[in-house]
PDB file of N, CA and C in Angstrom:
ATOM      1  N   MET A   1     -35.250 -41.448 -35.422  1.00  0.00           N
ATOM      2  CA  MET A   1     -35.683 -41.534 -36.801  1.00  0.00           C
ATOM      3  C   MET A   1     -34.593 -42.115 -37.693  1.00  0.00           C
ATOM      4  N   ILE A   2     -33.389 -41.612 -37.566  1.00  0.00           N
ATOM      5  CA  ILE A   2     -32.282 -42.142 -38.352  1.00  0.00           C
ATOM      6  C   ILE A   2     -32.058 -43.603 -38.017  1.00  0.00           C
ATOM      7  N   ARG A   3     -32.063 -43.914 -36.710  1.00  0.00           N
ATOM      8  CA  ARG A   3     -31.807 -45.287 -36.287  1.00  0.00           C
ATOM      9  C   ARG A   3     -32.876 -46.244 -36.801  1.00  0.00           C
ATOM     10  N   GLU A   4     -34.134 -45.830 -36.788  1.00  0.00           N
ATOM     11  CA  GLU A   4     -35.212 -46.697 -37.271  1.00  0.00           C
ATOM     12  C   GLU A   4     -35.044 -47.007 -38.753  1.00  0.00           C
ATOM     13  N   ALA A   5     -34.686 -45.993 -39.536  1.00  0.00           N
ATOM     14  CA  ALA A   5     -34.442 -46.206 -40.970  1.00  0.00           C
ATOM     15  C   ALA A   5     -33.263 -47.140 -41.169  1.00  0.00           C
ATOM     16  N   TRP A   6     -32.229 -46.949 -40.361  1.00  0.00           N
ATOM     17  CA  TRP A   6     -31.037 -47.793 -40.435  1.00  0.00           C
ATOM     18  C   TRP A   6     -31.406 -49.244 -40.141  1.00  0.00           C
ATOM     19  N   GLU A   7     -32.152 -49.456 -39.060  1.00  0.00           N
ATOM     20  CA  GLU A   7     -32.521 -50.815 -38.664  1.00  0.00           C
ATOM     21  C   GLU A   7     -33.393 -51.485 -39.721  1.00  0.00           C
ATOM     22  N   GLU A   8     -34.198 -50.704 -40.416  1.00  0.00           N
ATOM     23  CA  GLU A   8     -35.017 -51.265 -41.488  1.00  0.00           C
ATOM     24  C   GLU A   8     -34.148 -51.680 -42.672  1.00  0.00           C
ATOM     25  N   ALA A   9     -33.167 -50.848 -43.020  1.00  0.00           N
ATOM     26  CA  ALA A   9     -32.295 -51.141 -44.159  1.00  0.00           C
ATOM     27  C   ALA A   9     -31.284 -52.235 -43.840  1.00  0.00           C
ATOM     28  N   TYR A  10     -30.801 -52.263 -42.591  1.00  0.00           N
ATOM     29  CA  TYR A  10     -29.775 -53.225 -42.174  1.00  0.00           C
ATOM     30  C   TYR A  10     -30.213 -53.910 -40.888  1.00  0.00           C
ATOM     31  N   PRO A  11     -31.178 -54.811 -40.960  1.00  0.00           N
ATOM     32  CA  PRO A  11     -31.731 -55.410 -39.741  1.00  0.00           C
ATOM     33  C   PRO A  11     -30.725 -56.217 -38.921  1.00  0.00           C
ATOM     34  N   GLU A  12     -29.662 -56.693 -39.515  1.00  0.00           N
ATOM     35  CA  GLU A  12     -28.668 -57.484 -38.798  1.00  0.00           C
ATOM     36  C   GLU A  12     -27.560 -56.623 -38.173  1.00  0.00           C
ATOM     37  N   ALA A  13     -27.489 -55.363 -38.552  1.00  0.00           N
ATOM     38  CA  ALA A  13     -26.420 -54.485 -38.072  1.00  0.00           C
ATOM     39  C   ALA A  13     -26.590 -54.167 -36.599  1.00  0.00           C
ATOM     40  N   VAL A  14     -25.474 -54.094 -35.911  1.00  0.00           N
ATOM     41  CA  VAL A  14     -25.464 -53.699 -34.506  1.00  0.00           C
ATOM     42  C   VAL A  14     -25.348 -52.183 -34.455  1.00  0.00           C
ATOM     43  N   VAL A  15     -26.288 -51.547 -33.768  1.00  0.00           N
ATOM     44  CA  VAL A  15     -26.241 -50.103 -33.571  1.00  0.00           C
ATOM     45  C   VAL A  15     -26.281 -49.834 -32.070  1.00  0.00           C
ATOM     46  N   PHE A  16     -25.762 -48.692 -31.678  1.00  0.00           N
ATOM     47  CA  PHE A  16     -25.807 -48.315 -30.279  1.00  0.00           C
ATOM     48  C   PHE A  16     -27.231 -47.920 -29.907  1.00  0.00           C
ATOM     49  N   ILE A  17     -27.628 -48.279 -28.685  1.00  0.00           N
ATOM     50  CA  ILE A  17     -28.991 -48.019 -28.242  1.00  0.00           C
ATOM     51  C   ILE A  17     -29.036 -46.991 -27.114  1.00  0.00           C
ATOM     52  N   ASN A  18     -28.246 -47.169 -26.078  1.00  0.00           N
ATOM     53  CA  ASN A  18     -28.315 -46.280 -24.929  1.00  0.00           C
ATOM     54  C   ASN A  18     -26.928 -45.952 -24.417  1.00  0.00           C
ATOM     55  N   PRO A  19     -26.358 -44.849 -24.790  1.00  0.00           N
ATOM     56  CA  PRO A  19     -26.924 -43.829 -25.664  1.00  0.00           C
ATOM     57  C   PRO A  19     -26.889 -44.280 -27.120  1.00  0.00           C
ATOM     58  N   SER A  20     -27.744 -43.691 -27.917  1.00  0.00           N
ATOM     59  CA  SER A  20     -27.889 -44.136 -29.299  1.00  0.00           C
ATOM     60  C   SER A  20     -26.853 -43.531 -30.237  1.00  0.00           C
ATOM     61  N   TYR A  21     -26.300 -42.385 -29.869  1.00  0.00           N
ATOM     62  CA  TYR A  21     -25.345 -41.675 -30.744  1.00  0.00           C
ATOM     63  C   TYR A  21     -25.933 -41.498 -32.143  1.00  0.00           C
ATOM     64  N   GLU A  22     -27.224 -41.292 -32.199  1.00  0.00           N
ATOM     65  CA  GLU A  22     -27.926 -41.235 -33.483  1.00  0.00           C
ATOM     66  C   GLU A  22     -27.349 -40.173 -34.423  1.00  0.00           C
ATOM     67  N   THR A  23     -26.999 -39.011 -33.897  1.00  0.00           N
ATOM     68  CA  THR A  23     -26.473 -37.951 -34.755  1.00  0.00           C
ATOM     69  C   THR A  23     -25.047 -38.225 -35.207  1.00  0.00           C
ATOM     70  N   ALA A  24     -24.418 -39.229 -34.616  1.00  0.00           N
ATOM     71  CA  ALA A  24     -23.039 -39.574 -34.969  1.00  0.00           C
ATOM     72  C   ALA A  24     -22.968 -40.712 -35.982  1.00  0.00           C
ATOM     73  N   LEU A  25     -24.095 -41.302 -36.325  1.00  0.00           N
ATOM     74  CA  LEU A  25     -24.150 -42.388 -37.303  1.00  0.00           C
ATOM     75  C   LEU A  25     -23.930 -41.778 -38.686  1.00  0.00           C
ATOM     76  N   ILE A  26     -22.802 -42.111 -39.306  1.00  0.00           N
ATOM     77  CA  ILE A  26     -22.425 -41.438 -40.557  1.00  0.00           C
ATOM     78  C   ILE A  26     -22.391 -42.337 -41.780  1.00  0.00           C
ATOM     79  N   GLY A  27     -22.541 -43.627 -41.602  1.00  0.00           N
ATOM     80  CA  GLY A  27     -22.486 -44.491 -42.775  1.00  0.00           C
ATOM     81  C   GLY A  27     -22.466 -45.954 -42.414  1.00  0.00           C
ATOM     82  N   CYS A  28     -22.133 -46.751 -43.413  1.00  0.00           N
ATOM     83  CA  CYS A  28     -22.061 -48.192 -43.204  1.00  0.00           C
ATOM     84  C   CYS A  28     -20.986 -48.793 -44.086  1.00  0.00           C
ATOM     85  N   THR A  29     -20.551 -49.963 -43.714  1.00  0.00           N
ATOM     86  CA  THR A  29     -19.584 -50.700 -44.513  1.00  0.00           C
ATOM     87  C   THR A  29     -20.348 -51.534 -45.536  1.00  0.00           C
ATOM     88  N   GLU A  30     -19.625 -52.137 -46.434  1.00  0.00           N
ATOM     89  CA  GLU A  30     -20.270 -52.973 -47.445  1.00  0.00           C
ATOM     90  C   GLU A  30     -21.019 -54.150 -46.839  1.00  0.00           C
ATOM     91  N   ASP A  31     -20.553 -54.597 -45.663  1.00  0.00           N
ATOM     92  CA  ASP A  31     -21.234 -55.720 -45.020  1.00  0.00           C
ATOM     93  C   ASP A  31     -22.292 -55.265 -44.014  1.00  0.00           C
ATOM     94  N   GLY A  32     -22.657 -53.969 -44.025  1.00  0.00           N
ATOM     95  CA  GLY A  32     -23.761 -53.477 -43.215  1.00  0.00           C
ATOM     96  C   GLY A  32     -23.415 -53.061 -41.800  1.00  0.00           C
ATOM     97  N   ARG A  33     -22.126 -52.953 -41.472  1.00  0.00           N
ATOM     98  CA  ARG A  33     -21.753 -52.507 -40.126  1.00  0.00           C
ATOM     99  C   ARG A  33     -21.903 -50.994 -40.022  1.00  0.00           C
ATOM    100  N   ALA A  34     -22.490 -50.549 -38.930  1.00  0.00           N
ATOM    101  CA  ALA A  34     -22.687 -49.124 -38.689  1.00  0.00           C
ATOM    102  C   ALA A  34     -21.345 -48.440 -38.463  1.00  0.00           C
ATOM    103  N   VAL A  35     -21.224 -47.205 -38.959  1.00  0.00           N
ATOM    104  CA  VAL A  35     -20.006 -46.408 -38.788  1.00  0.00           C
ATOM    105  C   VAL A  35     -20.385 -45.118 -38.080  1.00  0.00           C
ATOM    106  N   TYR A  36     -19.680 -44.825 -36.993  1.00  0.00           N
ATOM    107  CA  TYR A  36     -19.939 -43.643 -36.182  1.00  0.00           C
ATOM    108  C   TYR A  36     -18.713 -42.732 -36.184  1.00  0.00           C
ATOM    109  N   ASP A  37     -18.957 -41.439 -36.077  1.00  0.00           N
ATOM    110  CA  ASP A  37     -17.903 -40.429 -35.967  1.00  0.00           C
ATOM    111  C   ASP A  37     -17.680 -40.148 -34.482  1.00  0.00           C
ATOM    112  N   PHE A  38     -16.459 -40.381 -34.005  1.00  0.00           N
ATOM    113  CA  PHE A  38     -16.133 -40.224 -32.589  1.00  0.00           C
ATOM    114  C   PHE A  38     -16.437 -38.811 -32.099  1.00  0.00           C
ATOM    115  N   ASP A  39     -16.014 -37.791 -32.840  1.00  0.00           N
ATOM    116  CA  ASP A  39     -16.240 -36.407 -32.415  1.00  0.00           C
ATOM    117  C   ASP A  39     -17.728 -36.084 -32.311  1.00  0.00           C
ATOM    118  N   LYS A  40     -18.516 -36.634 -33.204  1.00  0.00           N
ATOM    119  CA  LYS A  40     -19.959 -36.413 -33.138  1.00  0.00           C
ATOM    120  C   LYS A  40     -20.575 -37.159 -31.963  1.00  0.00           C
ATOM    121  N   MET A  41     -20.013 -38.304 -31.607  1.00  0.00           N
ATOM    122  CA  MET A  41     -20.473 -39.025 -30.419  1.00  0.00           C
ATOM    123  C   MET A  41     -20.238 -38.180 -29.177  1.00  0.00           C
ATOM    124  N   VAL A  42     -19.054 -37.583 -29.104  1.00  0.00           N
ATOM    125  CA  VAL A  42     -18.716 -36.722 -27.966  1.00  0.00           C
ATOM    126  C   VAL A  42     -19.682 -35.543 -27.903  1.00  0.00           C
ATOM    127  N   ALA A  43     -19.895 -34.894 -29.040  1.00  0.00           N
ATOM    128  CA  ALA A  43     -20.791 -33.735 -29.082  1.00  0.00           C
ATOM    129  C   ALA A  43     -22.215 -34.106 -28.669  1.00  0.00           C
ATOM    130  N   GLU A  44     -22.680 -35.270 -29.086  1.00  0.00           N
ATOM    131  CA  GLU A  44     -24.029 -35.694 -28.729  1.00  0.00           C
ATOM    132  C   GLU A  44     -24.160 -35.918 -27.229  1.00  0.00           C
ATOM    133  N   LEU A  45     -23.163 -36.569 -26.632  1.00  0.00           N
ATOM    134  CA  LEU A  45     -23.214 -36.772 -25.179  1.00  0.00           C
ATOM    135  C   LEU A  45     -23.185 -35.449 -24.435  1.00  0.00           C
ATOM    136  N   MET A  46     -22.343 -34.534 -24.886  1.00  0.00           N
ATOM    137  CA  MET A  46     -22.258 -33.225 -24.243  1.00  0.00           C
ATOM    138  C   MET A  46     -23.611 -32.511 -24.297  1.00  0.00           C
ATOM    139  N   ALA A  47     -24.274 -32.564 -25.444  1.00  0.00           N
ATOM    140  CA  ALA A  47     -25.554 -31.886 -25.615  1.00  0.00           C
ATOM    141  C   ALA A  47     -26.677 -32.568 -24.828  1.00  0.00           C
ATOM    142  N   GLN A  48     -26.726 -33.884 -24.873  1.00  0.00           N
ATOM    143  CA  GLN A  48     -27.821 -34.608 -24.232  1.00  0.00           C
ATOM    144  C   GLN A  48     -27.690 -34.642 -22.710  1.00  0.00           C
ATOM    145  N   ASP A  49     -26.457 -34.865 -22.239  1.00  0.00           N
ATOM    146  CA  ASP A  49     -26.260 -35.065 -20.803  1.00  0.00           C
ATOM    147  C   ASP A  49     -25.714 -33.839 -20.085  1.00  0.00           C
ATOM    148  N   GLY A  50     -25.362 -32.804 -20.844  1.00  0.00           N
ATOM    149  CA  GLY A  50     -24.838 -31.592 -20.222  1.00  0.00           C
ATOM    150  C   GLY A  50     -23.508 -31.795 -19.524  1.00  0.00           C
ATOM    151  N   ILE A  51     -22.684 -32.680 -20.078  1.00  0.00           N
ATOM    152  CA  ILE A  51     -21.370 -32.937 -19.483  1.00  0.00           C
ATOM    153  C   ILE A  51     -20.285 -32.282 -20.326  1.00  0.00           C
ATOM    154  N   ASP A  52     -19.106 -32.135 -19.729  1.00  0.00           N
ATOM    155  CA  ASP A  52     -18.010 -31.501 -20.469  1.00  0.00           C
ATOM    156  C   ASP A  52     -17.351 -32.505 -21.408  1.00  0.00           C
ATOM    157  N   GLU A  53     -16.489 -31.985 -22.278  1.00  0.00           N
ATOM    158  CA  GLU A  53     -15.857 -32.814 -23.305  1.00  0.00           C
ATOM    159  C   GLU A  53     -15.033 -33.950 -22.706  1.00  0.00           C
ATOM    160  N   THR A  54     -14.263 -33.664 -21.671  1.00  0.00           N
ATOM    161  CA  THR A  54     -13.427 -34.702 -21.048  1.00  0.00           C
ATOM    162  C   THR A  54     -14.278 -35.835 -20.502  1.00  0.00           C
ATOM    163  N   SER A  55     -15.369 -35.499 -19.835  1.00  0.00           N
ATOM    164  CA  SER A  55     -16.256 -36.533 -19.287  1.00  0.00           C
ATOM    165  C   SER A  55     -16.912 -37.349 -20.387  1.00  0.00           C
ATOM    166  N   ALA A  56     -17.286 -36.692 -21.479  1.00  0.00           N
ATOM    167  CA  ALA A  56     -17.902 -37.406 -22.600  1.00  0.00           C
ATOM    168  C   ALA A  56     -16.916 -38.388 -23.221  1.00  0.00           C
ATOM    169  N   ILE A  57     -15.676 -37.935 -23.432  1.00  0.00           N
ATOM    170  CA  ILE A  57     -14.638 -38.812 -23.995  1.00  0.00           C
ATOM    171  C   ILE A  57     -14.391 -39.997 -23.082  1.00  0.00           C
ATOM    172  N   GLU A  58     -14.266 -39.745 -21.779  1.00  0.00           N
ATOM    173  CA  GLU A  58     -14.035 -40.833 -20.822  1.00  0.00           C
ATOM    174  C   GLU A  58     -15.191 -41.829 -20.833  1.00  0.00           C
ATOM    175  N   PHE A  59     -16.422 -41.329 -20.911  1.00  0.00           N
ATOM    176  CA  PHE A  59     -17.588 -42.209 -20.950  1.00  0.00           C
ATOM    177  C   PHE A  59     -17.531 -43.117 -22.177  1.00  0.00           C
ATOM    178  N   ILE A  60     -17.275 -42.525 -23.330  1.00  0.00           N
ATOM    179  CA  ILE A  60     -17.231 -43.305 -24.569  1.00  0.00           C
ATOM    180  C   ILE A  60     -16.099 -44.330 -24.527  1.00  0.00           C
ATOM    181  N   GLU A  61     -14.929 -43.911 -24.089  1.00  0.00           N
ATOM    182  CA  GLU A  61     -13.794 -44.835 -24.026  1.00  0.00           C
ATOM    183  C   GLU A  61     -14.060 -45.988 -23.074  1.00  0.00           C
ATOM    184  N   TYR A  62     -14.644 -45.696 -21.925  1.00  0.00           N
ATOM    185  CA  TYR A  62     -14.838 -46.732 -20.906  1.00  0.00           C
ATOM    186  C   TYR A  62     -16.080 -47.583 -21.166  1.00  0.00           C
ATOM    187  N   ASN A  63     -17.185 -46.950 -21.515  1.00  0.00           N
ATOM    188  CA  ASN A  63     -18.458 -47.676 -21.610  1.00  0.00           C
ATOM    189  C   ASN A  63     -18.831 -48.145 -23.004  1.00  0.00           C
ATOM    190  N   THR A  64     -18.279 -47.532 -24.024  1.00  0.00           N
ATOM    191  CA  THR A  64     -18.665 -47.895 -25.379  1.00  0.00           C
ATOM    192  C   THR A  64     -17.548 -48.655 -26.091  1.00  0.00           C
ATOM    193  N   ILE A  65     -16.398 -48.055 -26.196  1.00  0.00           N
ATOM    194  CA  ILE A  65     -15.300 -48.686 -26.933  1.00  0.00           C
ATOM    195  C   ILE A  65     -14.863 -49.996 -26.283  1.00  0.00           C
ATOM    196  N   ARG A  66     -14.768 -50.023 -24.970  1.00  0.00           N
ATOM    197  CA  ARG A  66     -14.350 -51.264 -24.290  1.00  0.00           C
ATOM    198  C   ARG A  66     -15.333 -52.401 -24.514  1.00  0.00           C
ATOM    199  N   ALA A  67     -16.600 -52.085 -24.755  1.00  0.00           N
ATOM    200  CA  ALA A  67     -17.620 -53.118 -24.943  1.00  0.00           C
ATOM    201  C   ALA A  67     -17.612 -53.705 -26.350  1.00  0.00           C
ATOM    202  N   LEU A  68     -16.971 -53.039 -27.301  1.00  0.00           N
ATOM    203  CA  LEU A  68     -17.002 -53.504 -28.689  1.00  0.00           C
ATOM    204  C   LEU A  68     -16.409 -54.900 -28.861  1.00  0.00           C
ATOM    205  N   GLY A  69     -15.447 -55.252 -28.048  1.00  0.00           N
ATOM    206  CA  GLY A  69     -14.825 -56.568 -28.143  1.00  0.00           C
ATOM    207  C   GLY A  69     -15.749 -57.719 -27.785  1.00  0.00           C
ATOM    208  N   TYR A  70     -16.875 -57.412 -27.173  1.00  0.00           N
ATOM    209  CA  TYR A  70     -17.818 -58.442 -26.757  1.00  0.00           C
ATOM    210  C   TYR A  70     -18.987 -58.606 -27.729  1.00  0.00           C
ATOM    211  N   VAL A  71     -18.938 -57.879 -28.833  1.00  0.00           N
ATOM    212  CA  VAL A  71     -20.031 -57.899 -29.800  1.00  0.00           C
ATOM    213  C   VAL A  71     -19.525 -58.468 -31.120  1.00  0.00           C
ATOM    214  N   GLU A  72     -20.308 -59.394 -31.686  1.00  0.00           N
ATOM    215  CA  GLU A  72     -19.958 -59.923 -33.001  1.00  0.00           C
ATOM    216  C   GLU A  72     -20.299 -58.880 -34.054  1.00  0.00           C
ATOM    217  N   GLU A  73     -19.367 -58.575 -34.930  1.00  0.00           N
ATOM    218  CA  GLU A  73     -19.509 -57.555 -35.965  1.00  0.00           C
ATOM    219  C   GLU A  73     -19.983 -56.223 -35.380  1.00  0.00           C
ATOM    220  N   PRO A  74     -19.173 -55.663 -34.483  1.00  0.00           N
ATOM    221  CA  PRO A  74     -19.562 -54.422 -33.811  1.00  0.00           C
ATOM    222  C   PRO A  74     -19.534 -53.211 -34.745  1.00  0.00           C
ATOM    223  N   PRO A  75     -20.188 -52.142 -34.316  1.00  0.00           N
ATOM    224  CA  PRO A  75     -20.084 -50.900 -35.084  1.00  0.00           C
ATOM    225  C   PRO A  75     -18.626 -50.440 -35.148  1.00  0.00           C
ATOM    226  N   ILE A  76     -18.343 -49.600 -36.101  1.00  0.00           N
ATOM    227  CA  ILE A  76     -17.009 -49.030 -36.266  1.00  0.00           C
ATOM    228  C   ILE A  76     -17.071 -47.572 -35.830  1.00  0.00           C
ATOM    229  N   ILE A  77     -16.089 -47.168 -35.045  1.00  0.00           N
ATOM    230  CA  ILE A  77     -15.997 -45.775 -34.612  1.00  0.00           C
ATOM    231  C   ILE A  77     -14.745 -45.193 -35.244  1.00  0.00           C
ATOM    232  N   ILE A  78     -14.908 -44.102 -35.996  1.00  0.00           N
ATOM    233  CA  ILE A  78     -13.751 -43.476 -36.623  1.00  0.00           C
ATOM    234  C   ILE A  78     -13.454 -42.155 -35.932  1.00  0.00           C
ATOM    235  N   ASP A  79     -12.199 -41.838 -35.906  1.00  0.00           N
ATOM    236  CA  ASP A  79     -11.747 -40.565 -35.359  1.00  0.00           C
ATOM    237  C   ASP A  79     -11.020 -39.846 -36.499  1.00  0.00           C
ATOM    238  N   ILE A  80     -11.640 -38.834 -37.046  1.00  0.00           N
ATOM    239  CA  ILE A  80     -11.097 -38.138 -38.195  1.00  0.00           C
ATOM    240  C   ILE A  80      -9.996 -37.198 -37.738  1.00  0.00           C
ATOM    241  N   PHE A  81      -8.850 -37.266 -38.389  1.00  0.00           N
ATOM    242  CA  PHE A  81      -7.728 -36.405 -38.053  1.00  0.00           C
ATOM    243  C   PHE A  81      -8.051 -34.961 -38.411  1.00  0.00           C
ATOM    244  N   ASP A  82      -7.704 -34.054 -37.520  1.00  0.00           N
ATOM    245  CA  ASP A  82      -7.846 -32.632 -37.806  1.00  0.00           C
ATOM    246  C   ASP A  82      -6.739 -32.168 -38.738  1.00  0.00           C
ATOM    247  N   GLU A  83      -5.590 -32.798 -38.623  1.00  0.00           N
ATOM    248  CA  GLU A  83      -4.428 -32.463 -39.450  1.00  0.00           C
ATOM    249  C   GLU A  83      -3.802 -33.739 -39.972  1.00  0.00           C
ATOM    250  N   VAL A  84      -3.128 -33.645 -41.077  1.00  0.00           N
ATOM    251  CA  VAL A  84      -2.391 -34.784 -41.600  1.00  0.00           C
ATOM    252  C   VAL A  84      -1.123 -34.921 -40.779  1.00  0.00           C
ATOM    253  N   LEU A  85      -0.844 -36.129 -40.357  1.00  0.00           N
ATOM    254  CA  LEU A  85       0.344 -36.359 -39.519  1.00  0.00           C
ATOM    255  C   LEU A  85       1.621 -36.244 -40.324  1.00  0.00           C
TER     256      LEU A  85
END
């Protein structure tokens, strides 16, 4: 539902499809690029696939983040700091 509304509002934006990380979609840039929260992506994979946190992180790093370099105007994934450095 969120993704469909997003695609209607930003038809040119690249969004993740499989997995969709729909619950991790948190916003957009001024130019319409989708913005995802890394921690929410991990939580969604854990809930949907029943995998542990380490496996979810490895999946995202290997299968999602590595693929971003092959996409024109890819989505942005942010990792919010728990503490100020």
